[in-house]
Amino acid sequence: MTRIVSARDANQQFSDILGEAADGETVIITRRGTPVAKLVPYTTPADEGAWDRLLAMLEEGLPLGGGTFSRDELYEDR
């Protein structure tokens, strides 16, 4: 269910509105009758931790079946 409140009411009842959002309700905040913000329940992103896993994989490197070499060895012929 969606609740619509004015910015003034949202300011005065913030704790109550925050509790409603935590309970699953969406709250739209208006200023002079125009919607300006939406407070929605928080959900855990499906890709949480994806960046950490990607960075760990990049630091470790990917096994490509070839030999290893240092940066200096890579550029020594140039």
PDB file of N, CA and C in Angstrom:
ATOM      1  N   MET A   1       0.844  -1.178   0.000  1.00  0.00           N
ATOM      2  CA  MET A   1       0.000   0.000   0.000  1.00  0.00           C
ATOM      3  C   MET A   1       0.890   1.243   0.000  1.00  0.00           C
ATOM      4  N   THR A   2       0.451   2.277  -0.666  1.00  0.00           N
ATOM      5  CA  THR A   2       1.214   3.516  -0.747  1.00  0.00           C
ATOM      6  C   THR A   2       0.521   4.610   0.046  1.00  0.00           C
ATOM      7  N   ARG A   3       1.310   5.333   0.794  1.00  0.00           N
ATOM      8  CA  ARG A   3       0.786   6.466   1.575  1.00  0.00           C
ATOM      9  C   ARG A   3       1.399   7.741   1.022  1.00  0.00           C
ATOM     10  N   ILE A   4       0.620   8.793   0.924  1.00  0.00           N
ATOM     11  CA  ILE A   4       1.110  10.079   0.445  1.00  0.00           C
ATOM     12  C   ILE A   4       1.049  11.069   1.594  1.00  0.00           C
ATOM     13  N   VAL A   5       2.181  11.741   1.856  1.00  0.00           N
ATOM     14  CA  VAL A   5       2.233  12.731   2.932  1.00  0.00           C
ATOM     15  C   VAL A   5       2.945  13.979   2.429  1.00  0.00           C
ATOM     16  N   SER A   6       2.609  15.099   3.025  1.00  0.00           N
ATOM     17  CA  SER A   6       3.286  16.349   2.686  1.00  0.00           C
ATOM     18  C   SER A   6       4.666  16.364   3.343  1.00  0.00           C
ATOM     19  N   ALA A   7       5.537  17.202   2.834  1.00  0.00           N
ATOM     20  CA  ALA A   7       6.879  17.321   3.403  1.00  0.00           C
ATOM     21  C   ALA A   7       6.800  17.753   4.864  1.00  0.00           C
ATOM     22  N   ARG A   8       5.868  18.632   5.170  1.00  0.00           N
ATOM     23  CA  ARG A   8       5.699  19.100   6.553  1.00  0.00           C
ATOM     24  C   ARG A   8       5.318  17.945   7.468  1.00  0.00           C
ATOM     25  N   ASP A   9       4.327  17.142   7.027  1.00  0.00           N
ATOM     26  CA  ASP A   9       3.910  15.996   7.840  1.00  0.00           C
ATOM     27  C   ASP A   9       5.021  14.961   7.943  1.00  0.00           C
ATOM     28  N   ALA A  10       5.746  14.767   6.849  1.00  0.00           N
ATOM     29  CA  ALA A  10       6.854  13.808   6.867  1.00  0.00           C
ATOM     30  C   ALA A  10       7.919  14.242   7.868  1.00  0.00           C
ATOM     31  N   ASN A  11       8.161  15.527   7.929  1.00  0.00           N
ATOM     32  CA  ASN A  11       9.147  16.049   8.870  1.00  0.00           C
ATOM     33  C   ASN A  11       8.685  15.846  10.313  1.00  0.00           C
ATOM     34  N   GLN A  12       7.433  16.094  10.567  1.00  0.00           N
ATOM     35  CA  GLN A  12       6.906  15.991  11.926  1.00  0.00           C
ATOM     36  C   GLN A  12       6.707  14.546  12.368  1.00  0.00           C
ATOM     37  N   GLN A  13       6.454  13.648  11.418  1.00  0.00           N
ATOM     38  CA  GLN A  13       6.155  12.255  11.750  1.00  0.00           C
ATOM     39  C   GLN A  13       7.223  11.304  11.216  1.00  0.00           C
ATOM     40  N   PHE A  14       8.450  11.788  11.087  1.00  0.00           N
ATOM     41  CA  PHE A  14       9.485  10.995  10.422  1.00  0.00           C
ATOM     42  C   PHE A  14       9.665   9.613  11.041  1.00  0.00           C
ATOM     43  N   SER A  15       9.709   9.533  12.338  1.00  0.00           N
ATOM     44  CA  SER A  15       9.917   8.252  13.003  1.00  0.00           C
ATOM     45  C   SER A  15       8.794   7.260  12.667  1.00  0.00           C
ATOM     46  N   ASP A  16       7.556   7.747  12.671  1.00  0.00           N
ATOM     47  CA  ASP A  16       6.417   6.880  12.329  1.00  0.00           C
ATOM     48  C   ASP A  16       6.487   6.431  10.873  1.00  0.00           C
ATOM     49  N   ILE A  17       6.816   7.369   9.987  1.00  0.00           N
ATOM     50  CA  ILE A  17       6.887   7.058   8.554  1.00  0.00           C
ATOM     51  C   ILE A  17       8.023   6.084   8.282  1.00  0.00           C
ATOM     52  N   LEU A  18       9.130   6.255   8.960  1.00  0.00           N
ATOM     53  CA  LEU A  18      10.252   5.338   8.807  1.00  0.00           C
ATOM     54  C   LEU A  18       9.854   3.934   9.252  1.00  0.00           C
ATOM     55  N   GLY A  19       9.113   3.847  10.325  1.00  0.00           N
ATOM     56  CA  GLY A  19       8.614   2.551  10.794  1.00  0.00           C
ATOM     57  C   GLY A  19       7.677   1.894   9.793  1.00  0.00           C
ATOM     58  N   GLU A  20       6.837   2.706   9.154  1.00  0.00           N
ATOM     59  CA  GLU A  20       5.929   2.168   8.137  1.00  0.00           C
ATOM     60  C   GLU A  20       6.708   1.615   6.951  1.00  0.00           C
ATOM     61  N   ALA A  21       7.734   2.321   6.542  1.00  0.00           N
ATOM     62  CA  ALA A  21       8.569   1.838   5.435  1.00  0.00           C
ATOM     63  C   ALA A  21       9.267   0.539   5.835  1.00  0.00           C
ATOM     64  N   ALA A  22       9.725   0.468   7.058  1.00  0.00           N
ATOM     65  CA  ALA A  22      10.368  -0.755   7.535  1.00  0.00           C
ATOM     66  C   ALA A  22       9.387  -1.930   7.549  1.00  0.00           C
ATOM     67  N   ASP A  23       8.102  -1.623   7.720  1.00  0.00           N
ATOM     68  CA  ASP A  23       7.071  -2.661   7.718  1.00  0.00           C
ATOM     69  C   ASP A  23       6.580  -3.005   6.313  1.00  0.00           C
ATOM     70  N   GLY A  24       7.166  -2.363   5.288  1.00  0.00           N
ATOM     71  CA  GLY A  24       6.828  -2.715   3.912  1.00  0.00           C
ATOM     72  C   GLY A  24       5.984  -1.709   3.159  1.00  0.00           C
ATOM     73  N   GLU A  25       5.638  -0.601   3.773  1.00  0.00           N
ATOM     74  CA  GLU A  25       4.789   0.382   3.097  1.00  0.00           C
ATOM     75  C   GLU A  25       5.646   1.390   2.327  1.00  0.00           C
ATOM     76  N   THR A  26       5.168   1.816   1.170  1.00  0.00           N
ATOM     77  CA  THR A  26       5.813   2.859   0.384  1.00  0.00           C
ATOM     78  C   THR A  26       5.180   4.185   0.750  1.00  0.00           C
ATOM     79  N   VAL A  27       6.016   5.211   0.956  1.00  0.00           N
ATOM     80  CA  VAL A  27       5.521   6.532   1.328  1.00  0.00           C
ATOM     81  C   VAL A  27       6.015   7.538   0.290  1.00  0.00           C
ATOM     82  N   ILE A  28       5.087   8.256  -0.325  1.00  0.00           N
ATOM     83  CA  ILE A  28       5.442   9.309  -1.276  1.00  0.00           C
ATOM     84  C   ILE A  28       5.325  10.636  -0.552  1.00  0.00           C
ATOM     85  N   ILE A  29       6.372  11.441  -0.659  1.00  0.00           N
ATOM     86  CA  ILE A  29       6.408  12.739   0.019  1.00  0.00           C
ATOM     87  C   ILE A  29       6.199  13.827  -1.032  1.00  0.00           C
ATOM     88  N   THR A  30       5.276  14.737  -0.732  1.00  0.00           N
ATOM     89  CA  THR A  30       4.955  15.803  -1.679  1.00  0.00           C
ATOM     90  C   THR A  30       5.361  17.162  -1.120  1.00  0.00           C
ATOM     91  N   ARG A  31       5.594  18.069  -2.044  1.00  0.00           N
ATOM     92  CA  ARG A  31       5.824  19.473  -1.684  1.00  0.00           C
ATOM     93  C   ARG A  31       4.854  20.288  -2.525  1.00  0.00           C
ATOM     94  N   ARG A  32       3.971  20.998  -1.868  1.00  0.00           N
ATOM     95  CA  ARG A  32       2.928  21.777  -2.544  1.00  0.00           C
ATOM     96  C   ARG A  32       2.125  20.913  -3.513  1.00  0.00           C
ATOM     97  N   GLY A  33       1.857  19.667  -3.104  1.00  0.00           N
ATOM     98  CA  GLY A  33       1.034  18.774  -3.893  1.00  0.00           C
ATOM     99  C   GLY A  33       1.760  18.003  -4.988  1.00  0.00           C
ATOM    100  N   THR A  34       3.050  18.282  -5.190  1.00  0.00           N
ATOM    101  CA  THR A  34       3.829  17.601  -6.228  1.00  0.00           C
ATOM    102  C   THR A  34       4.741  16.564  -5.579  1.00  0.00           C
ATOM    103  N   PRO A  35       4.699  15.318  -6.048  1.00  0.00           N
ATOM    104  CA  PRO A  35       5.595  14.300  -5.483  1.00  0.00           C
ATOM    105  C   PRO A  35       7.069  14.670  -5.695  1.00  0.00           C
ATOM    106  N   VAL A  36       7.848  14.587  -4.613  1.00  0.00           N
ATOM    107  CA  VAL A  36       9.271  14.920  -4.711  1.00  0.00           C
ATOM    108  C   VAL A  36      10.181  13.788  -4.237  1.00  0.00           C
ATOM    109  N   ALA A  37       9.626  12.843  -3.497  1.00  0.00           N
ATOM    110  CA  ALA A  37      10.467  11.749  -2.983  1.00  0.00           C
ATOM    111  C   ALA A  37       9.595  10.528  -2.710  1.00  0.00           C
ATOM    112  N   LYS A  38      10.268   9.370  -2.735  1.00  0.00           N
ATOM    113  CA  LYS A  38       9.580   8.115  -2.421  1.00  0.00           C
ATOM    114  C   LYS A  38      10.429   7.364  -1.405  1.00  0.00           C
ATOM    115  N   LEU A  39       9.829   7.005  -0.302  1.00  0.00           N
ATOM    116  CA  LEU A  39      10.490   6.219   0.734  1.00  0.00           C
ATOM    117  C   LEU A  39       9.961   4.800   0.604  1.00  0.00           C
ATOM    118  N   VAL A  40      10.858   3.872   0.283  1.00  0.00           N
ATOM    119  CA  VAL A  40      10.444   2.483   0.048  1.00  0.00           C
ATOM    120  C   VAL A  40      11.172   1.561   1.018  1.00  0.00           C
ATOM    121  N   PRO A  41      10.616   0.384   1.255  1.00  0.00           N
ATOM    122  CA  PRO A  41      11.298  -0.579   2.128  1.00  0.00           C
ATOM    123  C   PRO A  41      12.638  -0.986   1.522  1.00  0.00           C
ATOM    124  N   TYR A  42      13.622  -1.171   2.361  1.00  0.00           N
ATOM    125  CA  TYR A  42      14.944  -1.585   1.913  1.00  0.00           C
ATOM    126  C   TYR A  42      14.931  -3.072   1.592  1.00  0.00           C
ATOM    127  N   THR A  43      15.530  -3.406   0.466  1.00  0.00           N
ATOM    128  CA  THR A  43      15.726  -4.811   0.117  1.00  0.00           C
ATOM    129  C   THR A  43      17.192  -5.018  -0.184  1.00  0.00           C
ATOM    130  N   THR A  44      17.707  -6.168   0.143  1.00  0.00           N
ATOM    131  CA  THR A  44      19.106  -6.475  -0.110  1.00  0.00           C
ATOM    132  C   THR A  44      19.311  -6.682  -1.603  1.00  0.00           C
ATOM    133  N   PRO A  45      20.262  -5.969  -2.191  1.00  0.00           N
ATOM    134  CA  PRO A  45      20.522  -6.146  -3.621  1.00  0.00           C
ATOM    135  C   PRO A  45      20.967  -7.577  -3.919  1.00  0.00           C
ATOM    136  N   ALA A  46      20.549  -8.082  -5.062  1.00  0.00           N
ATOM    137  CA  ALA A  46      20.915  -9.443  -5.459  1.00  0.00           C
ATOM    138  C   ALA A  46      22.413  -9.570  -5.699  1.00  0.00           C
ATOM    139  N   ASP A  47      23.049  -8.468  -6.090  1.00  0.00           N
ATOM    140  CA  ASP A  47      24.471  -8.527  -6.401  1.00  0.00           C
ATOM    141  C   ASP A  47      25.351  -8.067  -5.237  1.00  0.00           C
ATOM    142  N   GLU A  48      24.809  -8.098  -4.023  1.00  0.00           N
ATOM    143  CA  GLU A  48      25.598  -7.679  -2.868  1.00  0.00           C
ATOM    144  C   GLU A  48      26.853  -8.533  -2.763  1.00  0.00           C
ATOM    145  N   GLY A  49      27.979  -7.917  -2.647  1.00  0.00           N
ATOM    146  CA  GLY A  49      29.235  -8.637  -2.549  1.00  0.00           C
ATOM    147  C   GLY A  49      29.867  -8.936  -3.897  1.00  0.00           C
ATOM    148  N   ALA A  50      29.179  -8.609  -4.984  1.00  0.00           N
ATOM    149  CA  ALA A  50      29.719  -8.916  -6.313  1.00  0.00           C
ATOM    150  C   ALA A  50      31.019  -8.158  -6.562  1.00  0.00           C
ATOM    151  N   TRP A  51      31.074  -6.891  -6.165  1.00  0.00           N
ATOM    152  CA  TRP A  51      32.307  -6.115  -6.372  1.00  0.00           C
ATOM    153  C   TRP A  51      33.460  -6.704  -5.575  1.00  0.00           C
ATOM    154  N   ASP A  52      33.179  -7.118  -4.350  1.00  0.00           N
ATOM    155  CA  ASP A  52      34.234  -7.713  -3.530  1.00  0.00           C
ATOM    156  C   ASP A  52      34.756  -8.998  -4.160  1.00  0.00           C
ATOM    157  N   ARG A  53      33.851  -9.820  -4.675  1.00  0.00           N
ATOM    158  CA  ARG A  53      34.274 -11.062  -5.335  1.00  0.00           C
ATOM    159  C   ARG A  53      35.070 -10.764  -6.605  1.00  0.00           C
ATOM    160  N   LEU A  54      34.631  -9.768  -7.373  1.00  0.00           N
ATOM    161  CA  LEU A  54      35.338  -9.404  -8.595  1.00  0.00           C
ATOM    162  C   LEU A  54      36.743  -8.901  -8.284  1.00  0.00           C
ATOM    163  N   LEU A  55      36.862  -8.017  -7.308  1.00  0.00           N
ATOM    164  CA  LEU A  55      38.183  -7.488  -6.959  1.00  0.00           C
ATOM    165  C   LEU A  55      39.113  -8.581  -6.439  1.00  0.00           C
ATOM    166  N   ALA A  56      38.587  -9.489  -5.643  1.00  0.00           N
ATOM    167  CA  ALA A  56      39.396 -10.597  -5.138  1.00  0.00           C
ATOM    168  C   ALA A  56      39.873 -11.474  -6.295  1.00  0.00           C
ATOM    169  N   MET A  57      38.996 -11.731  -7.250  1.00  0.00           N
ATOM    170  CA  MET A  57      39.364 -12.549  -8.399  1.00  0.00           C
ATOM    171  C   MET A  57      40.432 -11.847  -9.242  1.00  0.00           C
ATOM    172  N   LEU A  58      40.312 -10.533  -9.417  1.00  0.00           N
ATOM    173  CA  LEU A  58      41.300  -9.797 -10.203  1.00  0.00           C
ATOM    174  C   LEU A  58      42.660  -9.763  -9.503  1.00  0.00           C
ATOM    175  N   GLU A  59      42.652  -9.634  -8.179  1.00  0.00           N
ATOM    176  CA  GLU A  59      43.915  -9.638  -7.443  1.00  0.00           C
ATOM    177  C   GLU A  59      44.590 -11.002  -7.511  1.00  0.00           C
ATOM    178  N   GLU A  60      43.799 -12.063  -7.454  1.00  0.00           N
ATOM    179  CA  GLU A  60      44.336 -13.421  -7.501  1.00  0.00           C
ATOM    180  C   GLU A  60      44.780 -13.789  -8.909  1.00  0.00           C
ATOM    181  N   GLY A  61      44.055 -13.298  -9.889  1.00  0.00           N
ATOM    182  CA  GLY A  61      44.354 -13.613 -11.279  1.00  0.00           C
ATOM    183  C   GLY A  61      43.549 -14.812 -11.747  1.00  0.00           C
ATOM    184  N   LEU A  62      43.465 -14.951 -13.058  1.00  0.00           N
ATOM    185  CA  LEU A  62      42.726 -16.057 -13.644  1.00  0.00           C
ATOM    186  C   LEU A  62      43.706 -17.066 -14.233  1.00  0.00           C
ATOM    187  N   PRO A  63      43.482 -18.337 -13.997  1.00  0.00           N
ATOM    188  CA  PRO A  63      44.367 -19.352 -14.581  1.00  0.00           C
ATOM    189  C   PRO A  63      44.065 -19.498 -16.078  1.00  0.00           C
ATOM    190  N   LEU A  64      45.025 -19.121 -16.913  1.00  0.00           N
ATOM    191  CA  LEU A  64      44.833 -19.191 -18.357  1.00  0.00           C
ATOM    192  C   LEU A  64      45.661 -20.303 -18.991  1.00  0.00           C
ATOM    193  N   GLY A  65      46.335 -21.101 -18.162  1.00  0.00           N
ATOM    194  CA  GLY A  65      47.089 -22.237 -18.680  1.00  0.00           C
ATOM    195  C   GLY A  65      48.480 -21.890 -19.148  1.00  0.00           C
ATOM    196  N   GLY A  66      48.886 -20.674 -19.070  1.00  0.00           N
ATOM    197  CA  GLY A  66      50.220 -20.278 -19.516  1.00  0.00           C
ATOM    198  C   GLY A  66      51.170 -20.090 -18.359  1.00  0.00           C
ATOM    199  N   GLY A  67      52.385 -19.698 -18.681  1.00  0.00           N
ATOM    200  CA  GLY A  67      53.387 -19.443 -17.657  1.00  0.00           C
ATOM    201  C   GLY A  67      53.154 -18.103 -16.993  1.00  0.00           C
ATOM    202  N   THR A  68      53.910 -17.863 -15.960  1.00  0.00           N
ATOM    203  CA  THR A  68      53.816 -16.583 -15.265  1.00  0.00           C
ATOM    204  C   THR A  68      55.020 -15.729 -15.621  1.00  0.00           C
ATOM    205  N   PHE A  69      54.853 -14.438 -15.546  1.00  0.00           N
ATOM    206  CA  PHE A  69      55.935 -13.508 -15.819  1.00  0.00           C
ATOM    207  C   PHE A  69      55.682 -12.234 -15.045  1.00  0.00           C
ATOM    208  N   SER A  70      56.756 -11.501 -14.833  1.00  0.00           N
ATOM    209  CA  SER A  70      56.635 -10.250 -14.105  1.00  0.00           C
ATOM    210  C   SER A  70      56.393  -9.115 -15.094  1.00  0.00           C
ATOM    211  N   ARG A  71      56.065  -7.978 -14.581  1.00  0.00           N
ATOM    212  CA  ARG A  71      55.860  -6.805 -15.428  1.00  0.00           C
ATOM    213  C   ARG A  71      57.141  -6.441 -16.159  1.00  0.00           C
ATOM    214  N   ASP A  72      58.287  -6.556 -15.476  1.00  0.00           N
ATOM    215  CA  ASP A  72      59.568  -6.243 -16.122  1.00  0.00           C
ATOM    216  C   ASP A  72      59.850  -7.204 -17.273  1.00  0.00           C
ATOM    217  N   GLU A  73      59.567  -8.480 -17.066  1.00  0.00           N
ATOM    218  CA  GLU A  73      59.774  -9.464 -18.131  1.00  0.00           C
ATOM    219  C   GLU A  73      58.859  -9.184 -19.327  1.00  0.00           C
ATOM    220  N   LEU A  74      57.699  -8.696 -19.083  1.00  0.00           N
ATOM    221  CA  LEU A  74      56.745  -8.418 -20.150  1.00  0.00           C
ATOM    222  C   LEU A  74      57.289  -7.334 -21.074  1.00  0.00           C
ATOM    223  N   TYR A  75      57.963  -6.338 -20.530  1.00  0.00           N
ATOM    224  CA  TYR A  75      58.418  -5.200 -21.317  1.00  0.00           C
ATOM    225  C   TYR A  75      59.915  -5.185 -21.588  1.00  0.00           C
ATOM    226  N   GLU A  76      60.646  -6.250 -21.307  1.00  0.00           N
ATOM    227  CA  GLU A  76      62.102  -6.200 -21.458  1.00  0.00           C
ATOM    228  C   GLU A  76      62.575  -6.144 -22.901  1.00  0.00           C
ATOM    229  N   ASP A  77      61.803  -6.587 -23.871  1.00  0.00           N
ATOM    230  CA  ASP A  77      62.224  -6.554 -25.267  1.00  0.00           C
ATOM    231  C   ASP A  77      61.980  -5.221 -25.935  1.00  0.00           C
ATOM    232  N   ARG A  78      61.371  -4.309 -25.289  1.00  0.00           N
ATOM    233  CA  ARG A  78      61.028  -3.026 -25.901  1.00  0.00           C
ATOM    234  C   ARG A  78      62.071  -2.004 -25.653  1.00  0.00           C
TER     235      ARG A  78
END
